Amino acid sequence: MSLFRVLDTPLLVAEATAAVSAPDVGGVDLFLGVVRNHNDGRPVTRLEYHAYVSMAEKEMQRIADEIMAEIPGVRLAALHRIGSLGV
């Protein structure tokens, strides 16, 4: 199973984990990006993410297809948040 989506709602770790978990899977690696309160010495209060969603999701799937062809049996999920995200 795989899961590739761009969302304007909070991401659910359980959803991503469920998409790649299976009885024959011995581990799940998860990366969560968060908004930090600074960049290059300047304060940050929020980030605004925008995307052309249908194109972004197609590209996410294309990249995943390449990885899955190279590593048979690998399970992948990628969720990306858009909108205004606070620290």
Protein backbone atom coordinates (compact mmCIF):
# COMPACT_ATOMS: atom_id res chain seq x y z
CA MET A 1 0.00 0.00 0.00
CA SER A 2 1.10 3.57 -0.49
CA LEU A 3 -0.24 6.98 0.43
CA PHE A 4 0.69 10.28 -1.23
CA ARG A 5 -1.37 13.37 -0.48
CA VAL A 6 -1.16 17.11 -0.02
CA LEU A 7 -3.52 18.30 2.71
CA ASP A 8 -4.74 21.58 4.19
CA THR A 9 -5.61 19.88 7.48
CA PRO A 10 -3.32 18.55 10.23
CA LEU A 11 -1.40 15.45 9.22
CA LEU A 12 -2.15 12.25 11.09
CA VAL A 13 0.88 10.17 12.05
CA ALA A 14 -1.39 7.15 12.56
CA GLU A 15 -2.65 7.42 8.97
CA ALA A 16 0.86 7.42 7.52
CA THR A 17 1.96 4.61 9.82
CA ALA A 18 -1.07 2.48 8.93
CA ALA A 19 -0.35 2.96 5.22
CA VAL A 20 3.06 1.31 5.50
CA SER A 21 2.56 -1.15 8.35
CA ALA A 22 1.96 -4.86 7.79
CA PRO A 23 2.55 -8.12 9.68
CA ASP A 24 5.70 -8.76 7.63
CA VAL A 25 7.14 -5.27 8.22
CA GLY A 26 9.77 -5.07 10.95
CA GLY A 27 10.11 -1.31 11.19
CA VAL A 28 8.65 2.02 10.19
CA ASP A 29 10.78 5.13 9.70
CA LEU A 30 8.98 8.44 10.10
CA PHE A 31 10.10 12.02 9.42
CA LEU A 32 8.08 14.95 10.77
CA GLY A 33 8.97 18.46 9.71
CA VAL A 34 7.94 21.22 12.10
CA VAL A 35 8.06 25.01 11.97
CA ARG A 36 10.93 26.30 14.09
CA ASN A 37 10.93 29.75 15.68
CA HIS A 38 13.93 31.13 13.75
CA ASN A 39 15.72 31.13 10.41
CA ASP A 40 19.08 32.76 9.69
CA GLY A 41 18.94 34.58 13.03
CA ARG A 42 15.50 36.06 12.38
CA PRO A 43 12.34 35.15 14.28
CA VAL A 44 9.68 33.04 12.56
CA THR A 45 6.05 32.95 13.68
CA ARG A 46 4.56 30.92 10.82
CA LEU A 47 5.15 29.53 7.35
CA GLU A 48 2.74 29.65 4.41
CA TYR A 49 2.84 26.61 2.15
CA HIS A 50 1.16 26.59 -1.26
CA ALA A 51 0.99 23.88 -3.89
CA TYR A 52 -0.60 22.94 -7.15
CA VAL A 53 -2.05 19.89 -5.44
CA SER A 54 -2.82 17.61 -8.37
CA MET A 55 0.62 18.16 -9.90
CA ALA A 56 2.38 17.74 -6.54
CA GLU A 57 0.59 14.47 -5.82
CA LYS A 58 1.41 13.11 -9.30
CA GLU A 59 5.07 13.99 -8.78
CA MET A 60 5.08 12.38 -5.33
CA GLN A 61 3.66 9.21 -6.91
CA ARG A 62 6.22 9.31 -9.75
CA ILE A 63 9.11 9.54 -7.29
CA ALA A 64 7.62 6.76 -5.17
CA ASP A 65 7.16 4.54 -8.24
CA GLU A 66 10.88 4.90 -9.01
CA ILE A 67 11.81 3.97 -5.44
CA MET A 68 9.40 1.03 -5.37
CA ALA A 69 10.79 -0.27 -8.68
CA GLU A 70 14.31 -0.10 -7.26
CA ILE A 71 13.41 -1.63 -3.88
CA PRO A 72 10.70 -4.28 -4.35
CA GLY A 73 8.40 -4.66 -1.37
CA VAL A 74 9.13 -1.23 0.09
CA ARG A 75 6.07 0.63 1.38
CA LEU A 76 5.96 4.42 1.19
CA ALA A 77 3.77 7.22 2.44
CA ALA A 78 4.27 10.96 1.97
CA LEU A 79 1.91 13.56 3.34
CA HIS A 80 2.59 17.27 2.91
CA ARG A 81 0.73 20.09 4.61
CA ILE A 82 -0.23 23.33 2.90
CA GLY A 83 -1.66 26.51 4.37
CA SER A 84 -0.55 28.58 7.33
CA LEU A 85 1.53 26.64 9.87
CA GLY A 86 2.60 28.14 13.19
CA VAL A 87 5.63 27.41 15.30
